[in-house]
Amino acid sequence: MHIAEQYRPPAPKLQSLTLHGVDVFSGQQQNLLDVLKRRRNHQMGLKKLALRSCRVSTIEYKTDLKGLVERITWDNVTEMGSNCESELDETDSEFDGLGYWGYGRGRYY
C-alpha cells in the first residue's frame, strides 16, 4: 500500500512576501517558482509578492511569476547578466552548508 505524501508548505497562512535587496540567482528563481506553483496548486497561493531593489538573473522572471501570485510589485529590479552563475558558486561556499539563503552579506535571511 502506497500513501501519497501530503504537501505541507512552509508558513501555510503566508499571504504576502517582500524581498528587498536580494540577489536572486537562476537556481533560487526556479526554487521560488516551484514553491509558488505548489502553493497555488494546493489553494494556498500568495496574494502579493514584492521584489524591491533586487537583482535577478533574467528580467523574464517577472513573466514566469504571473499566474502564480495574484499581485506582483516589481520596483527597481535589475538583471544581473550572464556572469551570475559564477557568483553563486563563490557565494555558496561562504555559508558552510546554509546555502545562499543563509545569514550574511545583507541578503535575505
PDB file of N, CA and C in Angstrom:
ATOM      1  N   MET A   1       0.839  -1.172   0.000  1.00  0.00           N
ATOM      2  CA  MET A   1       0.000   0.000   0.000  1.00  0.00           C
ATOM      3  C   MET A   1       0.889   1.243   0.000  1.00  0.00           C
ATOM      4  N   HIS A   2       0.611   2.158  -0.899  1.00  0.00           N
ATOM      5  CA  HIS A   2       1.395   3.387  -1.016  1.00  0.00           C
ATOM      6  C   HIS A   2       0.526   4.577  -0.625  1.00  0.00           C
ATOM      7  N   ILE A   3       1.025   5.368   0.295  1.00  0.00           N
ATOM      8  CA  ILE A   3       0.302   6.578   0.710  1.00  0.00           C
ATOM      9  C   ILE A   3       1.055   7.776   0.165  1.00  0.00           C
ATOM     10  N   ALA A   4       0.358   8.602  -0.603  1.00  0.00           N
ATOM     11  CA  ALA A   4       0.981   9.791  -1.188  1.00  0.00           C
ATOM     12  C   ALA A   4       1.350  10.767  -0.077  1.00  0.00           C
ATOM     13  N   GLU A   5       2.517  11.332  -0.216  1.00  0.00           N
ATOM     14  CA  GLU A   5       2.970  12.317   0.766  1.00  0.00           C
ATOM     15  C   GLU A   5       2.150  13.593   0.614  1.00  0.00           C
ATOM     16  N   GLN A   6       1.624  14.082   1.711  1.00  0.00           N
ATOM     17  CA  GLN A   6       0.821  15.292   1.680  1.00  0.00           C
ATOM     18  C   GLN A   6       1.750  16.500   1.685  1.00  0.00           C
ATOM     19  N   TYR A   7       1.456  17.462   0.809  1.00  0.00           N
ATOM     20  CA  TYR A   7       2.270  18.673   0.720  1.00  0.00           C
ATOM     21  C   TYR A   7       1.972  19.588   1.895  1.00  0.00           C
ATOM     22  N   ARG A   8       3.020  19.989   2.596  1.00  0.00           N
ATOM     23  CA  ARG A   8       2.884  20.928   3.709  1.00  0.00           C
ATOM     24  C   ARG A   8       3.799  22.109   3.431  1.00  0.00           C
ATOM     25  N   PRO A   9       3.237  23.194   2.930  1.00  0.00           N
ATOM     26  CA  PRO A   9       4.077  24.350   2.596  1.00  0.00           C
ATOM     27  C   PRO A   9       4.597  25.037   3.846  1.00  0.00           C
ATOM     28  N   PRO A  10       5.767  25.663   3.726  1.00  0.00           N
ATOM     29  CA  PRO A  10       6.228  26.470   4.850  1.00  0.00           C
ATOM     30  C   PRO A  10       5.291  27.668   5.007  1.00  0.00           C
ATOM     31  N   ALA A  11       4.987  28.034   6.221  1.00  0.00           N
ATOM     32  CA  ALA A  11       4.128  29.182   6.521  1.00  0.00           C
ATOM     33  C   ALA A  11       2.822  29.126   5.733  1.00  0.00           C
ATOM     34  N   PRO A  12       1.954  28.159   6.021  1.00  0.00           N
ATOM     35  CA  PRO A  12       0.733  27.986   5.230  1.00  0.00           C
ATOM     36  C   PRO A  12      -0.205  29.193   5.216  1.00  0.00           C
ATOM     37  N   LYS A  13      -0.138  30.055   6.230  1.00  0.00           N
ATOM     38  CA  LYS A  13      -1.014  31.223   6.266  1.00  0.00           C
ATOM     39  C   LYS A  13      -0.391  32.458   5.610  1.00  0.00           C
ATOM     40  N   LEU A  14       0.828  32.328   5.122  1.00  0.00           N
ATOM     41  CA  LEU A  14       1.514  33.442   4.478  1.00  0.00           C
ATOM     42  C   LEU A  14       0.733  33.910   3.260  1.00  0.00           C
ATOM     43  N   GLN A  15       0.441  35.205   3.180  1.00  0.00           N
ATOM     44  CA  GLN A  15      -0.305  35.742   2.045  1.00  0.00           C
ATOM     45  C   GLN A  15       0.483  36.759   1.244  1.00  0.00           C
ATOM     46  N   SER A  16       1.512  37.354   1.848  1.00  0.00           N
ATOM     47  CA  SER A  16       2.334  38.300   1.100  1.00  0.00           C
ATOM     48  C   SER A  16       3.795  38.136   1.502  1.00  0.00           C
ATOM     49  N   LEU A  17       4.663  38.421   0.545  1.00  0.00           N
ATOM     50  CA  LEU A  17       6.096  38.268   0.750  1.00  0.00           C
ATOM     51  C   LEU A  17       6.802  39.404   0.036  1.00  0.00           C
ATOM     52  N   THR A  18       7.758  40.040   0.724  1.00  0.00           N
ATOM     53  CA  THR A  18       8.566  41.092   0.117  1.00  0.00           C
ATOM     54  C   THR A  18      10.025  40.696   0.200  1.00  0.00           C
ATOM     55  N   LEU A  19      10.711  40.737  -0.930  1.00  0.00           N
ATOM     56  CA  LEU A  19      12.154  40.539  -0.989  1.00  0.00           C
ATOM     57  C   LEU A  19      12.763  41.901  -1.290  1.00  0.00           C
ATOM     58  N   HIS A  20      13.707  42.332  -0.468  1.00  0.00           N
ATOM     59  CA  HIS A  20      14.318  43.647  -0.642  1.00  0.00           C
ATOM     60  C   HIS A  20      15.833  43.506  -0.618  1.00  0.00           C
ATOM     61  N   GLY A  21      16.486  44.007  -1.657  1.00  0.00           N
ATOM     62  CA  GLY A  21      17.938  43.980  -1.713  1.00  0.00           C
ATOM     63  C   GLY A  21      18.526  42.593  -1.844  1.00  0.00           C
ATOM     64  N   VAL A  22      17.834  41.704  -2.531  1.00  0.00           N
ATOM     65  CA  VAL A  22      18.264  40.312  -2.668  1.00  0.00           C
ATOM     66  C   VAL A  22      18.774  40.057  -4.081  1.00  0.00           C
ATOM     67  N   ASP A  23      19.866  39.294  -4.182  1.00  0.00           N
ATOM     68  CA  ASP A  23      20.321  38.783  -5.473  1.00  0.00           C
ATOM     69  C   ASP A  23      19.677  37.417  -5.647  1.00  0.00           C
ATOM     70  N   VAL A  24      18.826  37.277  -6.645  1.00  0.00           N
ATOM     71  CA  VAL A  24      18.118  36.018  -6.868  1.00  0.00           C
ATOM     72  C   VAL A  24      18.710  35.360  -8.109  1.00  0.00           C
ATOM     73  N   PHE A  25      19.581  34.361  -7.880  1.00  0.00           N
ATOM     74  CA  PHE A  25      20.220  33.654  -8.979  1.00  0.00           C
ATOM     75  C   PHE A  25      19.237  32.675  -9.608  1.00  0.00           C
ATOM     76  N   SER A  26      19.581  32.130 -10.758  1.00  0.00           N
ATOM     77  CA  SER A  26      18.646  31.285 -11.507  1.00  0.00           C
ATOM     78  C   SER A  26      18.178  30.070 -10.714  1.00  0.00           C
ATOM     79  N   GLY A  27      19.039  29.450  -9.939  1.00  0.00           N
ATOM     80  CA  GLY A  27      18.632  28.300  -9.126  1.00  0.00           C
ATOM     81  C   GLY A  27      17.580  28.684  -8.096  1.00  0.00           C
ATOM     82  N   GLN A  28      17.778  29.819  -7.436  1.00  0.00           N
ATOM     83  CA  GLN A  28      16.815  30.284  -6.455  1.00  0.00           C
ATOM     84  C   GLN A  28      15.526  30.750  -7.131  1.00  0.00           C
ATOM     85  N   GLN A  29      15.658  31.338  -8.321  1.00  0.00           N
ATOM     86  CA  GLN A  29      14.460  31.734  -9.070  1.00  0.00           C
ATOM     87  C   GLN A  29      13.589  30.513  -9.326  1.00  0.00           C
ATOM     88  N   GLN A  30      14.208  29.431  -9.773  1.00  0.00           N
ATOM     89  CA  GLN A  30      13.447  28.218 -10.068  1.00  0.00           C
ATOM     90  C   GLN A  30      12.851  27.620  -8.793  1.00  0.00           C
ATOM     91  N   ASN A  31      13.612  27.629  -7.700  1.00  0.00           N
ATOM     92  CA  ASN A  31      13.093  27.119  -6.428  1.00  0.00           C
ATOM     93  C   ASN A  31      11.867  27.904  -5.984  1.00  0.00           C
ATOM     94  N   LEU A  32      11.937  29.223  -6.078  1.00  0.00           N
ATOM     95  CA  LEU A  32      10.790  30.043  -5.684  1.00  0.00           C
ATOM     96  C   LEU A  32       9.597  29.785  -6.596  1.00  0.00           C
ATOM     97  N   LEU A  33       9.828  29.648  -7.887  1.00  0.00           N
ATOM     98  CA  LEU A  33       8.732  29.318  -8.811  1.00  0.00           C
ATOM     99  C   LEU A  33       8.088  27.984  -8.442  1.00  0.00           C
ATOM    100  N   ASP A  34       8.896  26.994  -8.112  1.00  0.00           N
ATOM    101  CA  ASP A  34       8.373  25.675  -7.742  1.00  0.00           C
ATOM    102  C   ASP A  34       7.516  25.749  -6.483  1.00  0.00           C
ATOM    103  N   VAL A  35       8.000  26.472  -5.479  1.00  0.00           N
ATOM    104  CA  VAL A  35       7.240  26.617  -4.231  1.00  0.00           C
ATOM    105  C   VAL A  35       5.930  27.350  -4.483  1.00  0.00           C
ATOM    106  N   LEU A  36       5.984  28.436  -5.244  1.00  0.00           N
ATOM    107  CA  LEU A  36       4.766  29.196  -5.535  1.00  0.00           C
ATOM    108  C   LEU A  36       3.763  28.368  -6.331  1.00  0.00           C
ATOM    109  N   LYS A  37       4.270  27.558  -7.243  1.00  0.00           N
ATOM    110  CA  LYS A  37       3.394  26.694  -8.030  1.00  0.00           C
ATOM    111  C   LYS A  37       2.708  25.650  -7.150  1.00  0.00           C
ATOM    112  N   ARG A  38       3.464  25.024  -6.243  1.00  0.00           N
ATOM    113  CA  ARG A  38       2.868  24.039  -5.329  1.00  0.00           C
ATOM    114  C   ARG A  38       1.841  24.692  -4.415  1.00  0.00           C
ATOM    115  N   ARG A  39       2.160  25.880  -3.905  1.00  0.00           N
ATOM    116  CA  ARG A  39       1.206  26.589  -3.044  1.00  0.00           C
ATOM    117  C   ARG A  39      -0.076  26.896  -3.807  1.00  0.00           C
ATOM    118  N   ARG A  40       0.061  27.369  -5.044  1.00  0.00           N
ATOM    119  CA  ARG A  40      -1.117  27.684  -5.859  1.00  0.00           C
ATOM    120  C   ARG A  40      -1.937  26.427  -6.108  1.00  0.00           C
ATOM    121  N   ASN A  41      -1.279  25.336  -6.441  1.00  0.00           N
ATOM    122  CA  ASN A  41      -1.974  24.082  -6.735  1.00  0.00           C
ATOM    123  C   ASN A  41      -2.714  23.517  -5.531  1.00  0.00           C
ATOM    124  N   HIS A  42      -2.302  23.917  -4.331  1.00  0.00           N
ATOM    125  CA  HIS A  42      -2.952  23.456  -3.102  1.00  0.00           C
ATOM    126  C   HIS A  42      -3.815  24.552  -2.472  1.00  0.00           C
ATOM    127  N   GLN A  43      -4.232  25.524  -3.281  1.00  0.00           N
ATOM    128  CA  GLN A  43      -5.088  26.634  -2.869  1.00  0.00           C
ATOM    129  C   GLN A  43      -4.517  27.408  -1.683  1.00  0.00           C
ATOM    130  N   MET A  44      -3.199  27.582  -1.664  1.00  0.00           N
ATOM    131  CA  MET A  44      -2.519  28.369  -0.630  1.00  0.00           C
ATOM    132  C   MET A  44      -1.607  29.406  -1.267  1.00  0.00           C
ATOM    133  N   GLY A  45      -1.959  29.872  -2.465  1.00  0.00           N
ATOM    134  CA  GLY A  45      -1.108  30.798  -3.194  1.00  0.00           C
ATOM    135  C   GLY A  45      -0.970  32.141  -2.508  1.00  0.00           C
ATOM    136  N   LEU A  46       0.134  32.823  -2.818  1.00  0.00           N
ATOM    137  CA  LEU A  46       0.341  34.159  -2.285  1.00  0.00           C
ATOM    138  C   LEU A  46      -0.583  35.152  -2.980  1.00  0.00           C
ATOM    139  N   LYS A  47      -1.035  36.127  -2.221  1.00  0.00           N
ATOM    140  CA  LYS A  47      -1.832  37.206  -2.803  1.00  0.00           C
ATOM    141  C   LYS A  47      -0.915  38.303  -3.343  1.00  0.00           C
ATOM    142  N   LYS A  48       0.201  38.573  -2.630  1.00  0.00           N
ATOM    143  CA  LYS A  48       1.120  39.639  -3.033  1.00  0.00           C
ATOM    144  C   LYS A  48       2.568  39.171  -2.927  1.00  0.00           C
ATOM    145  N   LEU A  49       3.340  39.516  -3.938  1.00  0.00           N
ATOM    146  CA  LEU A  49       4.784  39.291  -3.932  1.00  0.00           C
ATOM    147  C   LEU A  49       5.433  40.585  -4.394  1.00  0.00           C
ATOM    148  N   ALA A  50       6.366  41.103  -3.605  1.00  0.00           N
ATOM    149  CA  ALA A  50       7.069  42.330  -3.967  1.00  0.00           C
ATOM    150  C   ALA A  50       8.562  42.061  -4.043  1.00  0.00           C
ATOM    151  N   LEU A  51       9.172  42.488  -5.118  1.00  0.00           N
ATOM    152  CA  LEU A  51      10.623  42.481  -5.265  1.00  0.00           C
ATOM    153  C   LEU A  51      11.040  43.938  -5.372  1.00  0.00           C
ATOM    154  N   ARG A  52      11.809  44.391  -4.407  1.00  0.00           N
ATOM    155  CA  ARG A  52      12.243  45.791  -4.354  1.00  0.00           C
ATOM    156  C   ARG A  52      13.773  45.837  -4.261  1.00  0.00           C
ATOM    157  N   SER A  53      14.360  46.615  -5.150  1.00  0.00           N
ATOM    158  CA  SER A  53      15.818  46.785  -5.180  1.00  0.00           C
ATOM    159  C   SER A  53      16.545  45.444  -5.207  1.00  0.00           C
ATOM    160  N   CYS A  54      16.058  44.541  -6.017  1.00  0.00           N
ATOM    161  CA  CYS A  54      16.651  43.206  -6.158  1.00  0.00           C
ATOM    162  C   CYS A  54      17.349  43.073  -7.502  1.00  0.00           C
ATOM    163  N   ARG A  55      18.205  42.065  -7.598  1.00  0.00           N
ATOM    164  CA  ARG A  55      18.799  41.693  -8.878  1.00  0.00           C
ATOM    165  C   ARG A  55      18.367  40.270  -9.179  1.00  0.00           C
ATOM    166  N   VAL A  56      17.935  40.023 -10.417  1.00  0.00           N
ATOM    167  CA  VAL A  56      17.521  38.697 -10.856  1.00  0.00           C
ATOM    168  C   VAL A  56      18.394  38.293 -12.033  1.00  0.00           C
ATOM    169  N   SER A  57      18.499  36.982 -12.267  1.00  0.00           N
ATOM    170  CA  SER A  57      19.380  36.534 -13.358  1.00  0.00           C
ATOM    171  C   SER A  57      18.806  36.895 -14.722  1.00  0.00           C
ATOM    172  N   THR A  58      17.489  36.941 -14.832  1.00  0.00           N
ATOM    173  CA  THR A  58      16.861  37.331 -16.096  1.00  0.00           C
ATOM    174  C   THR A  58      15.587  38.121 -15.825  1.00  0.00           C
ATOM    175  N   ILE A  59      15.380  39.165 -16.566  1.00  0.00           N
ATOM    176  CA  ILE A  59      14.229  40.045 -16.376  1.00  0.00           C
ATOM    177  C   ILE A  59      12.924  39.320 -16.723  1.00  0.00           C
ATOM    178  N   GLU A  60      12.996  38.242 -17.523  1.00  0.00           N
ATOM    179  CA  GLU A  60      11.809  37.466 -17.874  1.00  0.00           C
ATOM    180  C   GLU A  60      11.190  36.771 -16.668  1.00  0.00           C
ATOM    181  N   TYR A  61      11.882  36.797 -15.545  1.00  0.00           N
ATOM    182  CA  TYR A  61      11.389  36.176 -14.317  1.00  0.00           C
ATOM    183  C   TYR A  61      10.021  36.733 -13.928  1.00  0.00           C
ATOM    184  N   LYS A  62       9.805  38.007 -14.171  1.00  0.00           N
ATOM    185  CA  LYS A  62       8.508  38.613 -13.833  1.00  0.00           C
ATOM    186  C   LYS A  62       7.387  37.913 -14.590  1.00  0.00           C
ATOM    187  N   THR A  63       7.608  37.588 -15.845  1.00  0.00           N
ATOM    188  CA  THR A  63       6.610  36.871 -16.642  1.00  0.00           C
ATOM    189  C   THR A  63       6.358  35.488 -16.067  1.00  0.00           C
ATOM    190  N   ASP A  64       7.407  34.819 -15.607  1.00  0.00           N
ATOM    191  CA  ASP A  64       7.273  33.483 -15.013  1.00  0.00           C
ATOM    192  C   ASP A  64       6.416  33.510 -13.751  1.00  0.00           C
ATOM    193  N   LEU A  65       6.471  34.613 -13.011  1.00  0.00           N
ATOM    194  CA  LEU A  65       5.723  34.728 -11.755  1.00  0.00           C
ATOM    195  C   LEU A  65       4.227  34.965 -11.960  1.00  0.00           C
ATOM    196  N   LYS A  66       3.876  35.545 -13.123  1.00  0.00           N
ATOM    197  CA  LYS A  66       2.463  35.819 -13.381  1.00  0.00           C
ATOM    198  C   LYS A  66       1.673  34.520 -13.388  1.00  0.00           C
ATOM    199  N   GLY A  67       0.522  34.547 -12.780  1.00  0.00           N
ATOM    200  CA  GLY A  67      -0.308  33.361 -12.683  1.00  0.00           C
ATOM    201  C   GLY A  67      -0.045  32.555 -11.421  1.00  0.00           C
ATOM    202  N   LEU A  68       1.105  32.796 -10.782  1.00  0.00           N
ATOM    203  CA  LEU A  68       1.426  32.097  -9.540  1.00  0.00           C
ATOM    204  C   LEU A  68       1.095  32.958  -8.319  1.00  0.00           C
ATOM    205  N   VAL A  69       1.055  34.270  -8.519  1.00  0.00           N
ATOM    206  CA  VAL A  69       0.778  35.236  -7.458  1.00  0.00           C
ATOM    207  C   VAL A  69      -0.262  36.214  -7.992  1.00  0.00           C
ATOM    208  N   GLU A  70      -1.227  36.584  -7.138  1.00  0.00           N
ATOM    209  CA  GLU A  70      -2.283  37.488  -7.589  1.00  0.00           C
ATOM    210  C   GLU A  70      -1.752  38.862  -7.986  1.00  0.00           C
ATOM    211  N   ARG A  71      -0.870  39.447  -7.145  1.00  0.00           N
ATOM    212  CA  ARG A  71      -0.364  40.785  -7.443  1.00  0.00           C
ATOM    213  C   ARG A  71       1.146  40.832  -7.226  1.00  0.00           C
ATOM    214  N   ILE A  72       1.865  41.317  -8.238  1.00  0.00           N
ATOM    215  CA  ILE A  72       3.323  41.405  -8.181  1.00  0.00           C
ATOM    216  C   ILE A  72       3.740  42.874  -8.216  1.00  0.00           C
ATOM    217  N   THR A  73       4.591  43.257  -7.276  1.00  0.00           N
ATOM    218  CA  THR A  73       5.201  44.582  -7.290  1.00  0.00           C
ATOM    219  C   THR A  73       6.651  44.398  -7.698  1.00  0.00           C
ATOM    220  N   TRP A  74       7.060  45.113  -8.719  1.00  0.00           N
ATOM    221  CA  TRP A  74       8.390  44.968  -9.321  1.00  0.00           C
ATOM    222  C   TRP A  74       9.013  46.356  -9.284  1.00  0.00           C
ATOM    223  N   ASP A  75       9.795  46.656  -8.248  1.00  0.00           N
ATOM    224  CA  ASP A  75      10.306  48.005  -8.034  1.00  0.00           C
ATOM    225  C   ASP A  75      11.831  48.004  -8.007  1.00  0.00           C
ATOM    226  N   ASN A  76      12.448  48.691  -8.963  1.00  0.00           N
ATOM    227  CA  ASN A  76      13.899  48.822  -9.032  1.00  0.00           C
ATOM    228  C   ASN A  76      14.592  47.456  -9.102  1.00  0.00           C
ATOM    229  N   VAL A  77      14.053  46.549  -9.921  1.00  0.00           N
ATOM    230  CA  VAL A  77      14.641  45.224 -10.129  1.00  0.00           C
ATOM    231  C   VAL A  77      15.517  45.282 -11.373  1.00  0.00           C
ATOM    232  N   THR A  78      16.736  44.769 -11.257  1.00  0.00           N
ATOM    233  CA  THR A  78      17.662  44.788 -12.388  1.00  0.00           C
ATOM    234  C   THR A  78      18.123  43.373 -12.722  1.00  0.00           C
ATOM    235  N   GLU A  79      18.610  43.235 -13.943  1.00  0.00           N
ATOM    236  CA  GLU A  79      19.112  41.947 -14.420  1.00  0.00           C
ATOM    237  C   GLU A  79      20.607  41.859 -14.136  1.00  0.00           C
ATOM    238  N   MET A  80      21.074  40.699 -13.632  1.00  0.00           N
ATOM    239  CA  MET A  80      22.485  40.515 -13.299  1.00  0.00           C
ATOM    240  C   MET A  80      23.356  40.298 -14.525  1.00  0.00           C
ATOM    241  N   GLY A  81      22.848  39.620 -15.507  1.00  0.00           N
ATOM    242  CA  GLY A  81      23.654  39.334 -16.674  1.00  0.00           C
ATOM    243  C   GLY A  81      24.163  37.906 -16.689  1.00  0.00           C
ATOM    244  N   SER A  82      25.026  37.614 -17.646  1.00  0.00           N
ATOM    245  CA  SER A  82      25.450  36.237 -17.893  1.00  0.00           C
ATOM    246  C   SER A  82      26.420  35.684 -16.863  1.00  0.00           C
ATOM    247  N   ASN A  83      27.068  36.524 -16.050  1.00  0.00           N
ATOM    248  CA  ASN A  83      28.054  36.013 -15.097  1.00  0.00           C
ATOM    249  C   ASN A  83      27.446  35.669 -13.739  1.00  0.00           C
ATOM    250  N   CYS A  84      26.138  35.671 -13.612  1.00  0.00           N
ATOM    251  CA  CYS A  84      25.515  35.479 -12.301  1.00  0.00           C
ATOM    252  C   CYS A  84      25.739  34.084 -11.733  1.00  0.00           C
ATOM    253  N   GLU A  85      25.883  33.055 -12.542  1.00  0.00           N
ATOM    254  CA  GLU A  85      26.086  31.704 -12.011  1.00  0.00           C
ATOM    255  C   GLU A  85      27.446  31.563 -11.338  1.00  0.00           C
ATOM    256  N   SER A  86      28.478  32.228 -11.866  1.00  0.00           N
ATOM    257  CA  SER A  86      29.790  32.124 -11.226  1.00  0.00           C
ATOM    258  C   SER A  86      29.777  32.799  -9.859  1.00  0.00           C
ATOM    259  N   GLU A  87      29.004  33.856  -9.696  1.00  0.00           N
ATOM    260  CA  GLU A  87      28.875  34.500  -8.391  1.00  0.00           C
ATOM    261  C   GLU A  87      28.229  33.549  -7.402  1.00  0.00           C
ATOM    262  N   LEU A  88      27.255  32.773  -7.828  1.00  0.00           N
ATOM    263  CA  LEU A  88      26.564  31.843  -6.939  1.00  0.00           C
ATOM    264  C   LEU A  88      27.535  30.816  -6.380  1.00  0.00           C
ATOM    265  N   ASP A  89      28.396  30.267  -7.206  1.00  0.00           N
ATOM    266  CA  ASP A  89      29.343  29.268  -6.753  1.00  0.00           C
ATOM    267  C   ASP A  89      30.253  29.823  -5.661  1.00  0.00           C
ATOM    268  N   GLU A  90      30.740  31.053  -5.847  1.00  0.00           N
ATOM    269  CA  GLU A  90      31.608  31.671  -4.865  1.00  0.00           C
ATOM    270  C   GLU A  90      30.860  31.970  -3.580  1.00  0.00           C
ATOM    271  N   THR A  91      29.646  32.446  -3.675  1.00  0.00           N
ATOM    272  CA  THR A  91      28.856  32.849  -2.511  1.00  0.00           C
ATOM    273  C   THR A  91      28.427  31.642  -1.705  1.00  0.00           C
ATOM    274  N   ASP A  92      27.996  30.571  -2.345  1.00  0.00           N
ATOM    275  CA  ASP A  92      27.507  29.386  -1.641  1.00  0.00           C
ATOM    276  C   ASP A  92      28.535  28.835  -0.660  1.00  0.00           C
ATOM    277  N   SER A  93      29.800  28.793  -1.042  1.00  0.00           N
ATOM    278  CA  SER A  93      30.820  28.193  -0.196  1.00  0.00           C
ATOM    279  C   SER A  93      31.059  28.986   1.078  1.00  0.00           C
ATOM    280  N   GLU A  94      30.700  30.253   1.093  1.00  0.00           N
ATOM    281  CA  GLU A  94      30.942  31.091   2.261  1.00  0.00           C
ATOM    282  C   GLU A  94      29.973  30.806   3.395  1.00  0.00           C
ATOM    283  N   PHE A  95      28.889  30.098   3.156  1.00  0.00           N
ATOM    284  CA  PHE A  95      27.861  29.916   4.163  1.00  0.00           C
ATOM    285  C   PHE A  95      27.918  28.556   4.845  1.00  0.00           C
ATOM    286  N   ASP A  96      28.957  27.777   4.618  1.00  0.00           N
ATOM    287  CA  ASP A  96      29.146  26.498   5.310  1.00  0.00           C
ATOM    288  C   ASP A  96      27.892  25.643   5.367  1.00  0.00           C
ATOM    289  N   GLY A  97      27.302  25.378   4.224  1.00  0.00           N
ATOM    290  CA  GLY A  97      26.168  24.475   4.167  1.00  0.00           C
ATOM    291  C   GLY A  97      24.814  25.133   4.369  1.00  0.00           C
ATOM    292  N   LEU A  98      24.778  26.409   4.732  1.00  0.00           N
ATOM    293  CA  LEU A  98      23.487  27.075   4.889  1.00  0.00           C
ATOM    294  C   LEU A  98      22.863  27.402   3.543  1.00  0.00           C
ATOM    295  N   GLY A  99      23.658  27.391   2.489  1.00  0.00           N
ATOM    296  CA  GLY A  99      23.131  27.737   1.177  1.00  0.00           C
ATOM    297  C   GLY A  99      23.032  29.246   1.034  1.00  0.00           C
ATOM    298  N   TYR A 100      22.654  29.666  -0.133  1.00  0.00           N
ATOM    299  CA  TYR A 100      22.597  31.092  -0.434  1.00  0.00           C
ATOM    300  C   TYR A 100      21.635  31.838   0.476  1.00  0.00           C
ATOM    301  N   TRP A 101      20.575  31.189   0.935  1.00  0.00           N
ATOM    302  CA  TRP A 101      19.553  31.876   1.713  1.00  0.00           C
ATOM    303  C   TRP A 101      19.922  31.944   3.183  1.00  0.00           C
ATOM    304  N   GLY A 102      21.162  31.623   3.522  1.00  0.00           N
ATOM    305  CA  GLY A 102      21.609  31.714   4.902  1.00  0.00           C
ATOM    306  C   GLY A 102      21.866  33.154   5.314  1.00  0.00           C
ATOM    307  N   TYR A 103      22.467  33.313   6.449  1.00  0.00           N
ATOM    308  CA  TYR A 103      22.705  34.637   7.004  1.00  0.00           C
ATOM    309  C   TYR A 103      23.932  35.287   6.395  1.00  0.00           C
ATOM    310  N   GLY A 104      23.900  36.600   6.319  1.00  0.00           N
ATOM    311  CA  GLY A 104      25.103  37.336   5.974  1.00  0.00           C
ATOM    312  C   GLY A 104      24.999  38.208   4.748  1.00  0.00           C
ATOM    313  N   ARG A 105      25.939  39.104   4.647  1.00  0.00           N
ATOM    314  CA  ARG A 105      26.151  39.977   3.497  1.00  0.00           C
ATOM    315  C   ARG A 105      24.916  40.766   3.091  1.00  0.00           C
ATOM    316  N   GLY A 106      24.031  41.085   4.017  1.00  0.00           N
ATOM    317  CA  GLY A 106      22.891  41.931   3.711  1.00  0.00           C
ATOM    318  C   GLY A 106      21.861  41.275   2.825  1.00  0.00           C
ATOM    319  N   ARG A 107      21.911  39.982   2.719  1.00  0.00           N
ATOM    320  CA  ARG A 107      20.999  39.263   1.845  1.00  0.00           C
ATOM    321  C   ARG A 107      19.812  38.750   2.630  1.00  0.00           C
ATOM    322  N   TYR A 108      18.865  38.191   1.960  1.00  0.00           N
ATOM    323  CA  TYR A 108      17.646  37.649   2.581  1.00  0.00           C
ATOM    324  C   TYR A 108      17.985  36.553   3.578  1.00  0.00           C
ATOM    325  N   TYR A 109      17.438  36.631   4.752  1.00  0.00           N
ATOM    326  CA  TYR A 109      17.602  35.562   5.744  1.00  0.00           C
ATOM    327  C   TYR A 109      16.407  35.518   6.655  1.00  0.00           C
TER     328      TYR A 109
END
